[in-house]
C-alpha atoms as a PDB file:
ATOM      1  CA  MET A   1      16.273  10.135   6.237  1.00  0.00           C
ATOM      2  CA  LYS A   2      12.957   8.312   6.534  1.00  0.00           C
ATOM      3  CA  ILE A   3       9.441   9.712   6.661  1.00  0.00           C
ATOM      4  CA  TYR A   4       8.155   6.774   8.702  1.00  0.00           C
ATOM      5  CA  GLU A   5       9.229   5.113  11.952  1.00  0.00           C
ATOM      6  CA  ARG A   6       8.908   1.679  10.357  1.00  0.00           C
ATOM      7  CA  ASP A   7      11.320   0.193   7.822  1.00  0.00           C
ATOM      8  CA  TYR A   8       9.108  -0.779   4.867  1.00  0.00           C
ATOM      9  CA  THR A   9      11.867  -2.639   3.002  1.00  0.00           C
ATOM     10  CA  TYR A  10      10.577  -5.866   4.550  1.00  0.00           C
ATOM     11  CA  LEU A  11       7.133  -7.311   5.255  1.00  0.00           C
ATOM     12  CA  THR A  12       5.971  -9.420   8.161  1.00  0.00           C
ATOM     13  CA  ASP A  13       4.538 -12.894   7.558  1.00  0.00           C
ATOM     14  CA  GLU A  14       1.040 -11.580   8.301  1.00  0.00           C
ATOM     15  CA  GLU A  15       1.413  -8.728   5.793  1.00  0.00           C
ATOM     16  CA  LEU A  16       2.696 -11.133   3.138  1.00  0.00           C
ATOM     17  CA  LYS A  17      -0.284 -13.404   3.747  1.00  0.00           C
ATOM     18  CA  LEU A  18      -2.786 -10.525   3.441  1.00  0.00           C
ATOM     19  CA  TRP A  19      -1.065  -9.235   0.306  1.00  0.00           C
ATOM     20  CA  ASP A  20      -1.186 -12.686  -1.311  1.00  0.00           C
ATOM     21  CA  GLU A  21      -4.897 -12.965  -0.483  1.00  0.00           C
ATOM     22  CA  LYS A  22      -5.592  -9.598  -2.156  1.00  0.00           C
ATOM     23  CA  LYS A  23      -3.565 -10.582  -5.221  1.00  0.00           C
ATOM     24  CA  GLU A  24      -5.626 -13.761  -5.536  1.00  0.00           C
ATOM     25  CA  ALA A  25      -8.860 -11.766  -5.120  1.00  0.00           C
ATOM     26  CA  GLU A  26      -7.794  -9.580  -8.072  1.00  0.00           C
ATOM     27  CA  LYS A  27      -8.268 -12.496 -10.467  1.00  0.00           C
ATOM     28  CA  VAL A  28     -11.703 -12.121 -12.048  1.00  0.00           C
ATOM     29  CA  GLY A  29     -11.447 -14.553 -14.958  1.00  0.00           C
ATOM     30  CA  LYS A  30      -9.274 -16.171 -17.571  1.00  0.00           C
ATOM     31  CA  LEU A  31      -8.868 -15.342 -21.229  1.00  0.00           C
ATOM     32  CA  GLY A  32      -6.896 -18.024 -22.987  1.00  0.00           C
ATOM     33  CA  GLY A  33      -3.998 -18.782 -20.665  1.00  0.00           C
ATOM     34  CA  LYS A  34      -3.895 -15.321 -19.059  1.00  0.00           C
ATOM     35  CA  TRP A  35      -5.679 -14.067 -15.959  1.00  0.00           C
ATOM     36  CA  ILE A  36      -7.866 -10.980 -16.172  1.00  0.00           C
ATOM     37  CA  ARG A  37      -7.307  -8.882 -13.079  1.00  0.00           C
ATOM     38  CA  LYS A  38      -9.080  -6.019 -11.355  1.00  0.00           C
ATOM     39  CA  SER A  39      -6.628  -3.914  -9.382  1.00  0.00           C
ATOM     40  CA  LEU A  40      -7.170  -3.906  -5.620  1.00  0.00           C
ATOM     41  CA  PHE A  41      -4.044  -1.832  -4.956  1.00  0.00           C
ATOM     42  CA  ARG A  42      -5.831   0.483  -2.534  1.00  0.00           C
ATOM     43  CA  GLU A  43      -6.912  -2.541  -0.473  1.00  0.00           C
ATOM     44  CA  TYR A  44      -3.387  -3.962  -0.145  1.00  0.00           C
ATOM     45  CA  PRO A  45      -1.904  -3.709   3.350  1.00  0.00           C
ATOM     46  CA  LYS A  46      -0.222  -0.352   3.892  1.00  0.00           C
ATOM     47  CA  ALA A  47       3.178  -2.027   4.224  1.00  0.00           C
ATOM     48  CA  ALA A  48       2.719  -3.801   0.867  1.00  0.00           C
ATOM     49  CA  ARG A  49       1.931  -0.515  -0.890  1.00  0.00           C
ATOM     50  CA  HIS A  50       5.120   0.968   0.573  1.00  0.00           C
ATOM     51  CA  PHE A  51       7.135  -2.180  -0.184  1.00  0.00           C
ATOM     52  CA  MET A  52       6.181  -2.061  -3.889  1.00  0.00           C
ATOM     53  CA  SER A  53       7.515   1.485  -4.220  1.00  0.00           C
ATOM     54  CA  LEU A  54      10.956   2.269  -5.605  1.00  0.00           C
ATOM     55  CA  PHE A  55      11.665   4.150  -2.348  1.00  0.00           C
ATOM     56  CA  PRO A  56       9.598   2.273   0.276  1.00  0.00           C
ATOM     57  CA  ASN A  57      10.625   4.404   3.255  1.00  0.00           C
ATOM     58  CA  ASN A  58       9.830   7.662   1.448  1.00  0.00           C
ATOM     59  CA  TYR A  59       6.523   6.740  -0.190  1.00  0.00           C
ATOM     60  CA  LEU A  60       3.523   9.064   0.109  1.00  0.00           C
ATOM     61  CA  ASP A  61       0.652   6.619   0.441  1.00  0.00           C
ATOM     62  CA  ILE A  62      -2.393   7.529  -1.654  1.00  0.00           C
ATOM     63  CA  GLU A  63      -4.754   6.216   1.020  1.00  0.00           C
ATOM     64  CA  GLU A  64      -3.255   8.522   3.653  1.00  0.00           C
ATOM     65  CA  LEU A  65      -3.246  11.500   1.286  1.00  0.00           C
ATOM     66  CA  LYS A  66      -7.021  11.164   0.807  1.00  0.00           C
ATOM     67  CA  ASN A  67      -7.625  12.223   4.412  1.00  0.00           C
ATOM     68  CA  GLU A  68      -7.231  15.974   3.958  1.00  0.00           C
ATOM     69  CA  SER A  69      -8.519  16.952   7.402  1.00  0.00           C
ATOM     70  CA  GLU A  70      -5.921  14.789   9.168  1.00  0.00           C
ATOM     71  CA  LEU A  71      -3.131  16.161   6.955  1.00  0.00           C
ATOM     72  CA  TYR A  72      -4.276  19.698   7.635  1.00  0.00           C
ATOM     73  CA  ALA A  73      -4.368  19.023  11.401  1.00  0.00           C
ATOM     74  CA  LYS A  74      -0.837  17.590  11.335  1.00  0.00           C
ATOM     75  CA  ASN A  75       0.366  20.592   9.347  1.00  0.00           C
ATOM     76  CA  MET A  76      -1.214  23.020  11.822  1.00  0.00           C
ATOM     77  CA  LEU A  77       0.542  21.303  14.728  1.00  0.00           C
ATOM     78  CA  LYS A  78       3.917  21.991  13.139  1.00  0.00           C
ATOM     79  CA  CYS A  79       3.228  25.725  12.656  1.00  0.00           C
END
């Protein structure tokens, strides 16, 4: 059973490109031979956030969970 219509076990070329751009933007400096990074996880494409999960097709996205009014409206429609 899946929560979403889309299969998040794969990413499109466009999503991969956007994800790579965000990963590069995370690099803020170097210390020795290691990169210092600032997490931009919330800015990753939605599909990338799902894809990184252990269960991509059953992932509750933190960005969608922030919108309480929309969640409440969806819940009221089911009642």
